[in-house]
Structures are given as structure tokens and as C-alpha cells.
Amino acid sequence: MHYTLTNTKGEVLDSSQGGDPLTYLHGAGNIIPGLEKALAGKQAGDKLQVTVDPAEGYGVHDPALVQQVPKRAFQGVPSIEPGMTFHAQSSQGPMRVTVTAVQGDMVTVDGNHPLAGETLNFDVEITEVRAATLEEIAHGHVHGPGGHHH
């Protein structure tokens, strides 16, 4: 499928236009739930607009995932700036965090997905629908053009 993703302000956040269409395995959880539900039963040539609420997208913003940590936690990084991303270890395992502020010796990091809390608007055109191979089903993702290559 080709898609353009915009936020509620109409700003384009992502798009496949000018590139290869996005290929995914329906039912394998490879795309956000709200979009996958809207695509069920669609066929090549179908065009649709889908609005996905945060709970069916990248989740609601969780304030508990915003924390202040001391700069010394970033050993070996000479300069910490807002917008930088790091991999951190949490009680739930590894997670990606984004630096949102630096004040003195403290750094504020946010472990929410950058689009958490956002209502997402997709403009979609289905370009092709085909049956998945047994290997794709076993692996849980598409193989070949536009998908995963082994």
C-alpha cells in the first residue's frame, strides 16, 4: 500500500509516496492495530482515509516513562542535547528514550514512542493484495520486495 500519515494539524509525518509501497503481513501485528483493522478485507485499488486514536496507534502518553537522570548516566557521551536518542535498560527490558531537556547535571528522557498520544490520519491506497506464503506466515513478516529479505 502507499500511504501518507499526517497529524491533526495536517503536518505530514511519514509517506511512502515517491518510494516503494509499504508491504506487511496482515494479522501479524506488523503495523499499528487501528490501521490494520481498517485494512481488513480491502482489495487492490481501494483508497481510504483512516483516523487512528492513540490507544489503537502508538499508545497514550505515559508520564511514568518520563524521567530525570543524572548526566553521569551517559558515560562516554561528550554532549547531551534534546532530541538525541539512546537505548536504555528498564525493568521491562531494553527501551529507546529521547532526551527532551538538559538542565544543569540532570537530563530528562522520555521512553514513550514519539507518536504516543497522537491521533494519526492515514491516506491509503492499496496497490496489491496476495496470499502469504507458508514461510512468511511462519516468520511473521513479508519476504521479498518491500518486505524482509533473508
Protein backbone atom coordinates (compact mmCIF):
# COMPACT_ATOMS: atom_id res chain seq x y z
CA MET A 1 0.00 0.00 0.00
CA HIS A 2 1.00 3.59 -0.46
CA TYR A 3 0.22 5.86 2.44
CA THR A 4 0.62 9.36 3.77
CA LEU A 5 0.49 9.86 7.54
CA THR A 6 -0.48 13.25 8.96
CA ASN A 7 -1.16 14.54 12.45
CA THR A 8 -4.23 16.53 13.49
CA LYS A 9 -2.52 19.76 12.33
CA GLY A 10 -2.21 18.32 8.80
CA GLU A 11 1.57 18.03 9.02
CA VAL A 12 2.98 15.08 7.03
CA LEU A 13 4.77 12.73 9.45
CA ASP A 14 5.61 9.92 7.02
CA SER A 15 4.80 8.84 3.48
CA SER A 16 5.61 6.11 1.00
CA GLN A 17 4.95 8.44 -1.94
CA GLY A 18 7.92 8.59 -4.29
CA GLY A 19 9.18 5.24 -2.98
CA ASP A 20 8.17 1.62 -2.78
CA PRO A 21 4.79 0.80 -1.29
CA LEU A 22 4.71 -0.49 2.29
CA THR A 23 4.29 -4.26 2.36
CA TYR A 24 3.08 -6.01 5.51
CA LEU A 25 1.65 -9.36 6.63
CA HIS A 26 -1.97 -8.78 7.66
CA GLY A 27 -2.80 -10.22 11.07
CA ALA A 28 0.81 -10.45 12.25
CA GLY A 29 0.83 -7.15 14.15
CA ASN A 30 3.41 -5.58 11.78
CA ILE A 31 1.53 -2.26 11.69
CA ILE A 32 -0.45 -0.34 14.31
CA PRO A 33 -3.72 -2.05 15.30
CA GLY A 34 -6.08 0.74 14.23
CA LEU A 35 -4.72 0.83 10.70
CA GLU A 36 -4.61 -2.95 10.39
CA LYS A 37 -8.29 -3.21 11.44
CA ALA A 38 -9.29 -0.63 8.82
CA LEU A 39 -7.45 -2.54 6.09
CA ALA A 40 -9.18 -5.87 6.74
CA GLY A 41 -10.92 -7.11 3.59
CA LYS A 42 -9.58 -4.33 1.34
CA GLN A 43 -8.53 -5.05 -2.23
CA ALA A 44 -6.08 -3.65 -4.77
CA GLY A 45 -7.28 -0.25 -5.96
CA ASP A 46 -9.15 0.58 -2.75
CA LYS A 47 -8.48 4.08 -1.39
CA LEU A 48 -9.40 5.07 2.14
CA GLN A 49 -8.80 7.59 4.85
CA VAL A 50 -8.29 6.22 8.35
CA THR A 51 -8.17 8.11 11.64
CA VAL A 52 -6.45 6.18 14.42
CA ASP A 53 -6.84 7.21 18.05
CA PRO A 54 -3.75 6.94 20.31
CA ALA A 55 -4.96 3.74 22.01
CA GLU A 56 -5.06 1.98 18.61
CA GLY A 57 -1.86 3.68 17.40
CA TYR A 58 1.33 4.16 19.39
CA GLY A 59 -0.44 4.30 22.73
CA VAL A 60 -1.40 7.07 25.09
CA HIS A 61 1.40 9.19 26.51
CA ASP A 62 2.55 7.61 29.80
CA PRO A 63 4.01 10.19 32.20
CA ALA A 64 5.74 7.38 34.13
CA LEU A 65 8.05 6.91 31.11
CA VAL A 66 9.39 10.47 31.51
CA GLN A 67 12.26 10.57 33.97
CA GLN A 68 15.14 12.74 35.07
CA VAL A 69 18.52 11.04 35.21
CA PRO A 70 21.95 12.41 36.09
CA LYS A 71 24.29 13.30 33.23
CA ARG A 72 26.81 10.80 34.59
CA ALA A 73 24.45 8.04 33.34
CA PHE A 74 25.59 8.97 29.82
CA GLN A 75 29.23 7.97 30.21
CA GLY A 76 31.29 8.46 27.08
CA VAL A 77 28.87 10.95 25.51
CA PRO A 78 30.60 14.34 25.41
CA SER A 79 27.49 16.46 24.84
CA ILE A 80 23.84 15.65 25.63
CA GLU A 81 21.27 17.61 23.60
CA PRO A 82 17.45 17.49 23.36
CA GLY A 83 16.34 15.24 20.50
CA MET A 84 19.14 12.72 20.99
CA THR A 85 18.00 9.10 21.38
CA PHE A 86 19.56 6.33 23.44
CA HIS A 87 18.86 2.72 24.28
CA ALA A 88 18.28 2.22 27.99
CA GLN A 89 17.66 -0.75 30.22
CA SER A 90 14.38 -0.66 32.16
CA SER A 91 12.58 -3.09 34.45
CA GLN A 92 10.59 -4.16 31.35
CA GLY A 93 13.77 -4.71 29.30
CA PRO A 94 15.52 -2.54 26.71
CA MET A 95 13.77 0.61 25.56
CA ARG A 96 14.52 3.64 23.41
CA VAL A 97 14.49 7.01 25.15
CA THR A 98 14.61 10.53 23.74
CA VAL A 99 16.29 13.41 25.54
CA THR A 100 13.70 16.16 25.98
CA ALA A 101 15.60 18.59 28.23
CA VAL A 102 19.00 19.18 29.82
CA GLN A 103 19.17 21.33 32.95
CA GLY A 104 22.43 21.53 34.85
CA ASP A 105 23.51 18.00 35.76
CA MET A 106 20.07 16.48 35.08
CA VAL A 107 18.74 15.08 31.81
CA THR A 108 15.04 14.50 31.13
CA VAL A 109 14.38 11.42 29.00
CA ASP A 110 11.07 10.19 27.54
CA GLY A 111 10.54 6.48 26.88
CA ASN A 112 7.22 6.99 25.07
CA HIS A 113 7.10 6.41 21.31
CA PRO A 114 7.47 9.81 19.59
CA LEU A 115 3.88 9.48 18.30
CA ALA A 116 2.36 8.33 21.62
CA GLY A 117 -0.73 10.37 22.42
CA GLU A 118 -1.15 11.49 18.80
CA THR A 119 -4.26 10.96 16.70
CA LEU A 120 -2.99 9.70 13.36
CA ASN A 121 -4.55 10.26 9.94
CA PHE A 122 -3.70 7.88 7.12
CA ASP A 123 -4.49 8.40 3.46
CA VAL A 124 -4.08 4.91 1.96
CA GLU A 125 -4.15 3.33 -1.49
CA ILE A 126 -4.00 -0.45 -1.68
CA THR A 127 -1.66 -1.40 -4.54
CA GLU A 128 -1.64 -5.19 -4.23
CA VAL A 129 -3.09 -7.97 -2.10
CA ARG A 130 -1.78 -11.53 -2.27
CA ALA A 131 -1.84 -14.66 -0.15
CA ALA A 132 1.09 -15.02 2.22
CA THR A 133 3.49 -17.90 1.71
CA LEU A 134 3.81 -20.57 4.41
CA GLU A 135 7.33 -19.26 5.14
CA GLU A 136 6.05 -15.69 5.59
CA ILE A 137 3.34 -16.90 7.96
CA ALA A 138 5.90 -18.94 9.95
CA HIS A 139 8.27 -15.96 10.15
CA GLY A 140 5.52 -13.40 10.85
CA HIS A 141 6.57 -10.94 8.13
CA VAL A 142 6.65 -10.43 4.36
CA HIS A 143 9.63 -11.60 2.31
CA GLY A 144 10.80 -10.15 -1.00
CA PRO A 145 10.30 -6.68 -2.49
CA GLY A 146 9.10 -4.16 0.08
CA GLY A 147 9.37 -6.72 2.87
CA HIS A 148 12.08 -8.55 4.80
CA HIS A 149 14.97 -10.09 2.87
CA HIS A 150 16.85 -13.05 4.29
